N, C-alpha and C. Protein backbone atom coordinates (compact mmCIF):
# COMPACT_ATOMS: atom_id res chain seq x y z
N LEU A 1 -9.44 -10.49 -12.86
CA LEU A 1 -8.50 -9.50 -12.37
C LEU A 1 -7.29 -9.45 -13.30
N ALA A 2 -6.85 -8.25 -13.62
CA ALA A 2 -5.68 -8.08 -14.45
C ALA A 2 -4.94 -6.83 -14.03
N GLN A 3 -3.65 -6.82 -14.20
CA GLN A 3 -2.87 -5.62 -13.91
C GLN A 3 -2.36 -5.06 -15.22
N LEU A 4 -2.65 -3.80 -15.45
CA LEU A 4 -2.17 -3.13 -16.64
C LEU A 4 -0.93 -2.31 -16.24
N ARG A 5 0.16 -2.58 -16.84
CA ARG A 5 1.40 -1.84 -16.59
C ARG A 5 1.57 -0.86 -17.73
N ILE A 6 1.54 0.42 -17.46
CA ILE A 6 1.65 1.47 -18.46
C ILE A 6 3.04 2.07 -18.31
N ASP A 7 3.74 2.25 -19.46
CA ASP A 7 5.08 2.79 -19.36
C ASP A 7 5.05 4.25 -18.89
N ALA A 8 6.13 4.73 -18.34
CA ALA A 8 6.19 6.07 -17.73
C ALA A 8 5.93 7.18 -18.74
N ALA A 9 6.20 6.93 -20.02
CA ALA A 9 6.03 7.97 -21.03
C ALA A 9 4.58 8.13 -21.48
N THR A 10 3.73 7.17 -21.15
CA THR A 10 2.31 7.23 -21.54
C THR A 10 1.48 7.92 -20.46
N PRO A 11 0.95 9.07 -20.79
CA PRO A 11 0.13 9.77 -19.74
C PRO A 11 -1.19 9.01 -19.55
N LEU A 12 -1.57 8.86 -18.27
CA LEU A 12 -2.80 8.21 -17.96
C LEU A 12 -3.30 8.74 -16.63
N GLY A 13 -4.50 9.23 -16.64
CA GLY A 13 -5.14 9.70 -15.41
C GLY A 13 -6.23 8.75 -15.01
N ALA A 14 -6.13 8.18 -13.84
CA ALA A 14 -7.13 7.21 -13.38
C ALA A 14 -7.17 7.20 -11.88
N LEU A 15 -8.33 6.90 -11.35
CA LEU A 15 -8.52 6.78 -9.91
C LEU A 15 -9.29 5.49 -9.64
N PRO A 16 -9.19 4.95 -8.41
CA PRO A 16 -9.97 3.78 -8.07
C PRO A 16 -11.47 4.06 -8.32
N GLU A 17 -12.15 3.05 -8.78
CA GLU A 17 -13.57 3.08 -9.14
C GLU A 17 -13.85 3.63 -10.53
N ASP A 18 -12.86 4.21 -11.22
CA ASP A 18 -13.07 4.67 -12.59
C ASP A 18 -13.30 3.45 -13.48
N HIS A 19 -14.08 3.60 -14.52
CA HIS A 19 -14.28 2.57 -15.50
C HIS A 19 -13.34 2.82 -16.68
N PHE A 20 -12.95 1.75 -17.38
CA PHE A 20 -12.06 1.90 -18.51
C PHE A 20 -12.42 0.95 -19.63
N ILE A 21 -11.94 1.28 -20.80
CA ILE A 21 -12.07 0.42 -21.99
C ILE A 21 -10.65 0.34 -22.59
N VAL A 22 -10.22 -0.86 -22.94
CA VAL A 22 -8.94 -1.05 -23.59
C VAL A 22 -9.21 -1.34 -25.06
N ARG A 23 -8.58 -0.56 -25.90
CA ARG A 23 -8.76 -0.76 -27.34
C ARG A 23 -7.41 -1.04 -27.99
N GLY A 24 -7.45 -1.85 -29.01
CA GLY A 24 -6.26 -2.20 -29.78
C GLY A 24 -6.21 -1.40 -31.07
N PHE A 25 -5.28 -1.76 -31.92
CA PHE A 25 -5.13 -1.06 -33.21
C PHE A 25 -5.76 -1.80 -34.36
N VAL A 26 -6.00 -3.10 -34.21
CA VAL A 26 -6.51 -3.91 -35.27
C VAL A 26 -7.95 -4.30 -34.99
N ALA A 27 -8.83 -4.04 -35.93
CA ALA A 27 -10.25 -4.35 -35.73
C ALA A 27 -10.48 -5.84 -35.81
N ASN A 28 -11.35 -6.32 -34.92
CA ASN A 28 -11.76 -7.72 -34.90
C ASN A 28 -13.20 -7.78 -35.43
N ALA A 29 -13.56 -8.79 -36.12
CA ALA A 29 -14.88 -8.88 -36.76
C ALA A 29 -16.00 -8.84 -35.74
N SER A 30 -15.84 -9.40 -34.53
CA SER A 30 -16.93 -9.48 -33.59
C SER A 30 -17.01 -8.27 -32.64
N HIS A 31 -15.91 -7.59 -32.39
CA HIS A 31 -16.01 -6.46 -31.43
C HIS A 31 -15.13 -5.26 -31.79
N GLY A 32 -14.82 -5.07 -33.02
CA GLY A 32 -14.04 -3.91 -33.44
C GLY A 32 -12.66 -3.90 -32.82
N THR A 33 -12.28 -2.76 -32.31
CA THR A 33 -10.92 -2.66 -31.72
C THR A 33 -10.95 -2.84 -30.21
N THR A 34 -12.11 -3.07 -29.64
CA THR A 34 -12.21 -3.19 -28.18
C THR A 34 -11.65 -4.53 -27.75
N ILE A 35 -10.72 -4.45 -26.79
CA ILE A 35 -10.09 -5.67 -26.24
C ILE A 35 -10.82 -6.08 -24.97
N GLY A 36 -11.19 -5.09 -24.20
CA GLY A 36 -11.91 -5.40 -22.93
C GLY A 36 -12.12 -4.12 -22.13
N GLY A 37 -12.61 -4.28 -20.94
CA GLY A 37 -12.87 -3.12 -20.10
C GLY A 37 -13.11 -3.59 -18.68
N GLY A 38 -13.30 -2.64 -17.81
CA GLY A 38 -13.53 -2.98 -16.42
C GLY A 38 -13.56 -1.79 -15.52
N ARG A 39 -13.26 -2.04 -14.26
CA ARG A 39 -13.24 -1.01 -13.23
C ARG A 39 -11.87 -1.00 -12.57
N ILE A 40 -11.34 0.15 -12.37
CA ILE A 40 -10.03 0.29 -11.73
C ILE A 40 -10.18 0.01 -10.25
N ILE A 41 -9.34 -0.88 -9.74
CA ILE A 41 -9.35 -1.22 -8.35
C ILE A 41 -8.25 -0.47 -7.60
N ARG A 42 -7.09 -0.37 -8.20
CA ARG A 42 -5.95 0.20 -7.52
C ARG A 42 -5.05 0.93 -8.53
N VAL A 43 -4.55 2.08 -8.13
CA VAL A 43 -3.59 2.82 -8.96
C VAL A 43 -2.25 2.84 -8.23
N LEU A 44 -1.19 3.06 -8.99
CA LEU A 44 0.15 3.14 -8.42
C LEU A 44 0.50 1.88 -7.63
N ALA A 45 0.00 0.77 -8.06
CA ALA A 45 0.25 -0.50 -7.38
C ALA A 45 1.61 -1.05 -7.72
N PRO A 46 2.24 -1.77 -6.81
CA PRO A 46 3.49 -2.42 -7.15
C PRO A 46 3.22 -3.52 -8.17
N LYS A 47 4.26 -3.92 -8.88
CA LYS A 47 4.09 -4.97 -9.89
C LYS A 47 3.52 -6.22 -9.20
N ALA A 48 2.48 -6.79 -9.83
CA ALA A 48 1.79 -7.93 -9.23
C ALA A 48 2.70 -9.15 -9.18
N ARG A 49 2.59 -9.83 -8.06
CA ARG A 49 3.27 -11.12 -7.91
C ARG A 49 2.23 -12.18 -8.24
N LYS A 50 2.66 -13.20 -8.93
CA LYS A 50 1.74 -14.30 -9.23
C LYS A 50 1.43 -15.05 -7.93
N GLY A 51 0.20 -15.47 -7.82
CA GLY A 51 -0.16 -16.27 -6.67
C GLY A 51 -1.48 -15.91 -6.08
N LEU A 52 -1.95 -16.82 -5.26
CA LEU A 52 -3.28 -16.65 -4.67
C LEU A 52 -3.34 -15.52 -3.66
N GLU A 53 -2.24 -15.29 -2.93
CA GLU A 53 -2.27 -14.21 -1.92
C GLU A 53 -2.47 -12.86 -2.58
N HIS A 54 -1.76 -12.58 -3.67
CA HIS A 54 -1.92 -11.29 -4.34
C HIS A 54 -3.33 -11.16 -4.91
N ALA A 55 -3.81 -12.23 -5.54
CA ALA A 55 -5.15 -12.18 -6.15
C ALA A 55 -6.20 -11.96 -5.05
N ALA A 56 -6.02 -12.56 -3.88
CA ALA A 56 -6.97 -12.39 -2.77
C ALA A 56 -6.92 -10.93 -2.27
N THR A 57 -5.73 -10.33 -2.22
CA THR A 57 -5.60 -8.94 -1.78
C THR A 57 -6.35 -8.02 -2.73
N VAL A 58 -6.12 -8.20 -4.03
CA VAL A 58 -6.80 -7.36 -5.03
C VAL A 58 -8.30 -7.57 -5.01
N ALA A 59 -8.75 -8.79 -4.84
CA ALA A 59 -10.17 -9.08 -4.77
C ALA A 59 -10.76 -8.43 -3.54
N ALA A 60 -10.05 -8.44 -2.44
CA ALA A 60 -10.52 -7.79 -1.19
C ALA A 60 -10.59 -6.30 -1.40
N LEU A 61 -9.62 -5.69 -2.08
CA LEU A 61 -9.65 -4.27 -2.37
C LEU A 61 -10.86 -3.89 -3.20
N ALA A 62 -11.23 -4.77 -4.14
CA ALA A 62 -12.34 -4.49 -5.06
C ALA A 62 -13.66 -4.28 -4.34
N SER A 63 -13.84 -4.96 -3.23
CA SER A 63 -15.13 -4.88 -2.50
C SER A 63 -14.97 -4.23 -1.13
N ALA A 64 -13.85 -3.62 -0.86
CA ALA A 64 -13.57 -3.06 0.49
C ALA A 64 -14.21 -1.71 0.68
N ARG A 65 -14.59 -1.47 1.94
CA ARG A 65 -15.00 -0.10 2.36
C ARG A 65 -13.72 0.74 2.40
N GLN A 66 -13.88 2.04 2.53
CA GLN A 66 -12.71 2.93 2.49
C GLN A 66 -11.70 2.62 3.61
N ASP A 67 -12.16 2.37 4.83
CA ASP A 67 -11.23 2.08 5.91
C ASP A 67 -10.50 0.75 5.66
N GLN A 68 -11.19 -0.24 5.13
CA GLN A 68 -10.57 -1.52 4.79
C GLN A 68 -9.56 -1.34 3.67
N ARG A 69 -9.90 -0.50 2.68
CA ARG A 69 -9.01 -0.23 1.56
C ARG A 69 -7.73 0.43 2.04
N ILE A 70 -7.87 1.36 2.96
CA ILE A 70 -6.69 2.06 3.52
C ILE A 70 -5.81 1.03 4.22
N ALA A 71 -6.41 0.22 5.09
CA ALA A 71 -5.65 -0.77 5.85
C ALA A 71 -4.94 -1.75 4.91
N LEU A 72 -5.63 -2.23 3.87
CA LEU A 72 -5.01 -3.15 2.92
C LEU A 72 -3.87 -2.50 2.16
N ASP A 73 -4.03 -1.23 1.78
CA ASP A 73 -2.98 -0.54 1.05
C ASP A 73 -1.73 -0.38 1.95
N VAL A 74 -1.94 -0.03 3.21
CA VAL A 74 -0.83 0.12 4.15
C VAL A 74 -0.19 -1.26 4.41
N LYS A 75 -1.01 -2.28 4.52
CA LYS A 75 -0.51 -3.64 4.79
C LYS A 75 0.39 -4.10 3.62
N THR A 76 -0.02 -3.85 2.39
CA THR A 76 0.79 -4.29 1.25
C THR A 76 2.07 -3.53 1.11
N ALA A 77 2.17 -2.35 1.75
CA ALA A 77 3.44 -1.59 1.75
C ALA A 77 4.45 -2.21 2.69
N ALA A 78 4.01 -3.16 3.52
CA ALA A 78 4.89 -3.89 4.47
C ALA A 78 5.64 -2.91 5.40
N HIS A 79 6.94 -3.15 5.55
CA HIS A 79 7.75 -2.39 6.50
C HIS A 79 7.92 -0.92 6.09
N ALA A 80 7.83 -0.62 4.81
CA ALA A 80 8.01 0.76 4.35
C ALA A 80 6.85 1.66 4.79
N GLY A 81 5.67 1.08 4.94
CA GLY A 81 4.52 1.89 5.31
C GLY A 81 4.15 2.84 4.18
N VAL A 82 3.17 3.73 4.47
CA VAL A 82 2.67 4.66 3.46
C VAL A 82 2.46 5.99 4.14
N GLY A 83 2.91 7.06 3.46
CA GLY A 83 2.68 8.41 3.92
C GLY A 83 1.29 8.89 3.51
N ILE A 84 0.80 9.92 4.15
CA ILE A 84 -0.50 10.47 3.88
C ILE A 84 -0.56 10.96 2.43
N ARG A 85 0.46 11.61 1.95
CA ARG A 85 0.47 12.09 0.56
C ARG A 85 0.31 10.94 -0.43
N GLU A 86 1.01 9.84 -0.17
CA GLU A 86 0.89 8.68 -1.05
C GLU A 86 -0.50 8.07 -0.98
N LEU A 87 -1.09 8.02 0.18
CA LEU A 87 -2.47 7.50 0.29
C LEU A 87 -3.45 8.37 -0.50
N VAL A 88 -3.27 9.68 -0.42
CA VAL A 88 -4.12 10.60 -1.20
C VAL A 88 -3.97 10.30 -2.67
N ARG A 89 -2.75 10.12 -3.17
CA ARG A 89 -2.53 9.82 -4.58
C ARG A 89 -3.13 8.46 -4.97
N ARG A 90 -2.95 7.48 -4.12
CA ARG A 90 -3.44 6.11 -4.48
C ARG A 90 -4.95 6.01 -4.43
N LEU A 91 -5.59 6.69 -3.47
CA LEU A 91 -7.01 6.55 -3.30
C LEU A 91 -7.81 7.61 -4.00
N GLY A 92 -7.16 8.71 -4.38
CA GLY A 92 -7.85 9.76 -5.13
C GLY A 92 -8.85 10.55 -4.32
N VAL A 93 -8.64 10.64 -3.00
CA VAL A 93 -9.49 11.45 -2.14
C VAL A 93 -8.61 12.35 -1.29
N PRO A 94 -9.14 13.52 -0.89
CA PRO A 94 -8.33 14.44 -0.07
C PRO A 94 -8.02 13.88 1.30
N ALA A 95 -6.95 14.39 1.87
CA ALA A 95 -6.52 13.96 3.23
C ALA A 95 -7.62 14.21 4.23
N THR A 96 -8.43 15.23 4.06
CA THR A 96 -9.51 15.52 5.04
C THR A 96 -10.53 14.39 5.05
N VAL A 97 -10.77 13.75 3.90
CA VAL A 97 -11.71 12.62 3.83
C VAL A 97 -11.11 11.37 4.49
N LEU A 98 -9.77 11.25 4.41
CA LEU A 98 -9.10 10.10 4.98
C LEU A 98 -8.90 10.21 6.50
N ALA A 99 -9.01 11.42 7.02
CA ALA A 99 -8.69 11.65 8.42
C ALA A 99 -9.49 10.78 9.38
N ASP A 100 -10.80 10.70 9.26
CA ASP A 100 -11.61 9.90 10.18
C ASP A 100 -11.31 8.40 10.11
N PRO A 101 -11.30 7.80 8.88
CA PRO A 101 -10.97 6.37 8.86
C PRO A 101 -9.55 6.09 9.34
N LEU A 102 -8.59 6.95 9.04
CA LEU A 102 -7.24 6.74 9.53
C LEU A 102 -7.16 6.85 11.05
N GLY A 103 -7.88 7.82 11.59
CA GLY A 103 -7.95 7.97 13.06
C GLY A 103 -8.53 6.74 13.71
N THR A 104 -9.56 6.17 13.12
CA THR A 104 -10.18 4.96 13.67
C THR A 104 -9.21 3.78 13.61
N LEU A 105 -8.48 3.63 12.46
CA LEU A 105 -7.53 2.53 12.31
C LEU A 105 -6.38 2.67 13.28
N VAL A 106 -5.91 3.88 13.54
CA VAL A 106 -4.82 4.08 14.51
C VAL A 106 -5.33 3.79 15.91
N ALA A 107 -6.53 4.31 16.24
CA ALA A 107 -7.11 4.08 17.59
C ALA A 107 -7.32 2.61 17.87
N SER A 108 -7.69 1.82 16.83
CA SER A 108 -7.93 0.40 17.01
C SER A 108 -6.64 -0.41 17.12
N GLY A 109 -5.49 0.22 16.77
CA GLY A 109 -4.22 -0.50 16.82
C GLY A 109 -3.87 -1.20 15.52
N GLU A 110 -4.71 -1.05 14.51
CA GLU A 110 -4.41 -1.73 13.23
C GLU A 110 -3.29 -1.01 12.47
N LEU A 111 -3.16 0.31 12.72
CA LEU A 111 -2.07 1.07 12.06
C LEU A 111 -1.27 1.80 13.14
N LEU A 112 0.02 1.94 12.88
CA LEU A 112 0.90 2.74 13.71
C LEU A 112 1.12 4.04 12.98
N LEU A 113 0.88 5.17 13.67
CA LEU A 113 1.07 6.50 13.08
C LEU A 113 2.36 7.10 13.57
N THR A 114 3.15 7.60 12.65
CA THR A 114 4.33 8.39 13.01
C THR A 114 4.23 9.69 12.22
N GLY A 115 4.65 10.79 12.84
CA GLY A 115 4.55 12.08 12.19
C GLY A 115 3.15 12.65 12.30
N THR A 116 3.02 13.91 11.89
CA THR A 116 1.72 14.59 11.91
C THR A 116 1.53 15.40 10.64
N GLY A 117 0.28 15.77 10.40
CA GLY A 117 -0.01 16.61 9.23
C GLY A 117 0.44 15.97 7.94
N ASP A 118 1.14 16.77 7.11
CA ASP A 118 1.62 16.29 5.82
C ASP A 118 2.73 15.25 5.97
N GLN A 119 3.31 15.16 7.15
CA GLN A 119 4.38 14.19 7.42
C GLN A 119 3.88 12.88 8.04
N ALA A 120 2.54 12.73 8.16
CA ALA A 120 1.97 11.54 8.72
C ALA A 120 2.37 10.33 7.90
N HIS A 121 2.72 9.24 8.59
CA HIS A 121 3.19 8.02 7.94
C HIS A 121 2.61 6.84 8.72
N TYR A 122 2.12 5.84 8.00
CA TYR A 122 1.41 4.71 8.63
C TYR A 122 2.10 3.39 8.33
N VAL A 123 2.18 2.53 9.32
CA VAL A 123 2.71 1.17 9.16
C VAL A 123 1.65 0.22 9.75
N HIS A 124 1.40 -0.88 9.06
CA HIS A 124 0.36 -1.83 9.51
C HIS A 124 0.89 -2.59 10.72
N ALA A 125 -0.05 -2.98 11.61
CA ALA A 125 0.27 -3.69 12.83
C ALA A 125 1.00 -5.02 12.56
N ILE A 126 0.68 -5.68 11.45
CA ILE A 126 1.36 -6.94 11.14
C ILE A 126 2.83 -6.69 10.86
N ALA A 127 3.16 -5.64 10.11
CA ALA A 127 4.54 -5.32 9.83
C ALA A 127 5.25 -4.90 11.14
N VAL A 128 4.58 -4.16 11.99
CA VAL A 128 5.16 -3.74 13.26
C VAL A 128 5.47 -4.97 14.13
N ALA A 129 4.53 -5.92 14.19
CA ALA A 129 4.74 -7.15 14.99
C ALA A 129 5.95 -7.94 14.44
N GLU A 130 6.07 -8.02 13.14
CA GLU A 130 7.25 -8.73 12.55
C GLU A 130 8.53 -8.04 12.92
N LEU A 131 8.54 -6.70 12.84
CA LEU A 131 9.74 -5.96 13.22
C LEU A 131 10.06 -6.10 14.69
N GLU A 132 9.03 -6.09 15.53
CA GLU A 132 9.26 -6.27 16.95
C GLU A 132 9.90 -7.63 17.29
N ARG A 133 9.40 -8.69 16.58
CA ARG A 133 9.97 -10.02 16.78
C ARG A 133 11.43 -10.03 16.34
N LYS A 134 11.72 -9.45 15.20
CA LYS A 134 13.09 -9.43 14.71
C LYS A 134 14.00 -8.64 15.65
N ILE A 135 13.53 -7.49 16.10
CA ILE A 135 14.33 -6.68 17.04
C ILE A 135 14.57 -7.46 18.33
N ALA A 136 13.56 -8.11 18.86
CA ALA A 136 13.70 -8.87 20.10
C ALA A 136 14.75 -9.99 19.92
N SER A 137 14.71 -10.65 18.77
CA SER A 137 15.69 -11.73 18.57
C SER A 137 17.10 -11.19 18.42
N LEU A 138 17.25 -10.01 17.84
CA LEU A 138 18.59 -9.43 17.66
C LEU A 138 19.18 -8.89 18.96
N VAL A 139 18.35 -8.30 19.80
CA VAL A 139 18.88 -7.70 21.02
C VAL A 139 18.94 -8.68 22.17
N SER A 140 18.39 -9.90 21.97
CA SER A 140 18.43 -10.88 23.07
C SER A 140 19.76 -11.58 23.20
N ALA A 141 20.66 -11.34 22.27
CA ALA A 141 22.04 -11.89 22.34
C ALA A 141 22.69 -11.37 23.62
N PRO A 142 23.59 -12.16 24.21
CA PRO A 142 24.22 -11.74 25.45
C PRO A 142 24.90 -10.37 25.38
N ASP A 143 25.46 -10.02 24.22
CA ASP A 143 26.15 -8.74 24.11
C ASP A 143 25.18 -7.62 23.76
N GLY A 144 23.96 -7.92 23.41
CA GLY A 144 23.01 -6.91 22.99
C GLY A 144 23.43 -6.33 21.64
N MET A 145 22.95 -5.16 21.33
CA MET A 145 23.31 -4.54 20.05
C MET A 145 23.07 -3.02 20.16
N ALA A 146 24.01 -2.27 19.60
CA ALA A 146 23.86 -0.82 19.62
C ALA A 146 22.66 -0.42 18.74
N ARG A 147 22.07 0.68 19.10
CA ARG A 147 20.85 1.15 18.43
C ARG A 147 21.02 1.26 16.90
N GLU A 148 22.03 1.92 16.45
CA GLU A 148 22.22 2.11 14.98
C GLU A 148 22.68 0.82 14.33
N ALA A 149 23.40 -0.02 15.02
CA ALA A 149 23.77 -1.33 14.43
C ALA A 149 22.51 -2.16 14.24
N LEU A 150 21.59 -2.04 15.20
CA LEU A 150 20.31 -2.78 15.07
C LEU A 150 19.53 -2.28 13.86
N ARG A 151 19.52 -0.99 13.65
CA ARG A 151 18.77 -0.41 12.51
C ARG A 151 19.29 -0.96 11.20
N THR A 152 20.58 -1.23 11.07
CA THR A 152 21.13 -1.77 9.81
C THR A 152 20.68 -3.20 9.56
N GLN A 153 20.19 -3.89 10.58
CA GLN A 153 19.75 -5.26 10.43
C GLN A 153 18.25 -5.38 10.04
N LEU A 154 17.57 -4.24 9.98
CA LEU A 154 16.16 -4.18 9.67
C LEU A 154 15.95 -3.79 8.22
N PRO A 155 14.76 -4.03 7.67
CA PRO A 155 14.50 -3.68 6.26
C PRO A 155 14.83 -2.21 5.95
N ALA A 156 15.41 -2.00 4.80
CA ALA A 156 15.87 -0.66 4.41
C ALA A 156 14.70 0.32 4.25
N GLY A 157 13.52 -0.18 3.89
CA GLY A 157 12.37 0.68 3.68
C GLY A 157 11.77 1.25 4.96
N LEU A 158 12.17 0.76 6.09
CA LEU A 158 11.65 1.23 7.38
C LEU A 158 12.10 2.64 7.64
N SER A 159 11.12 3.55 7.83
CA SER A 159 11.49 4.97 8.06
C SER A 159 12.10 5.13 9.46
N ALA A 160 12.89 6.19 9.61
CA ALA A 160 13.53 6.48 10.88
C ALA A 160 12.46 6.73 11.96
N ARG A 161 11.40 7.41 11.61
CA ARG A 161 10.33 7.67 12.59
C ARG A 161 9.65 6.38 13.05
N ALA A 162 9.38 5.48 12.11
CA ALA A 162 8.74 4.21 12.47
C ALA A 162 9.71 3.40 13.34
N TYR A 163 11.00 3.40 13.01
CA TYR A 163 11.98 2.68 13.79
C TYR A 163 11.98 3.23 15.24
N ASP A 164 12.00 4.53 15.38
CA ASP A 164 11.99 5.15 16.73
C ASP A 164 10.71 4.80 17.49
N ALA A 165 9.58 4.79 16.80
CA ALA A 165 8.31 4.48 17.46
C ALA A 165 8.26 3.01 17.90
N ILE A 166 8.82 2.12 17.10
CA ILE A 166 8.82 0.71 17.44
C ILE A 166 9.78 0.45 18.55
């Protein structure tokens, strides 16, 4: 597994499951300019963190069914969640193809849905549970906490709709 970080000025079109070849500028006696190749697992991924957890997530994505891939992508977005437009960009399939697996994941409770249509936004149940625990600990103080003051104590990436739903 490797993560290729391409600078913003370099145009690159790729989707999950595409195959690629990496070539260098200097020929090598045994393999010419080819450095390596493989299969794209994830596009628009955040910068990889070193460690076994990240490697396990990418390995799981490599062999995941579409519904599992969606859930893992939303899970790695943590508290920020992922909008439907972003899922379409990351997975390279139209929203109509994602509708059934997303509906199943929401119905099972694995994902929380806020918004509808093009404004649909998903947060993973694990992130929701973490937020619920944090909210419960903050409001359990004898004085409680005002709604907007509470919001300032939560991760900045949490959308207003997700906050309201939680």
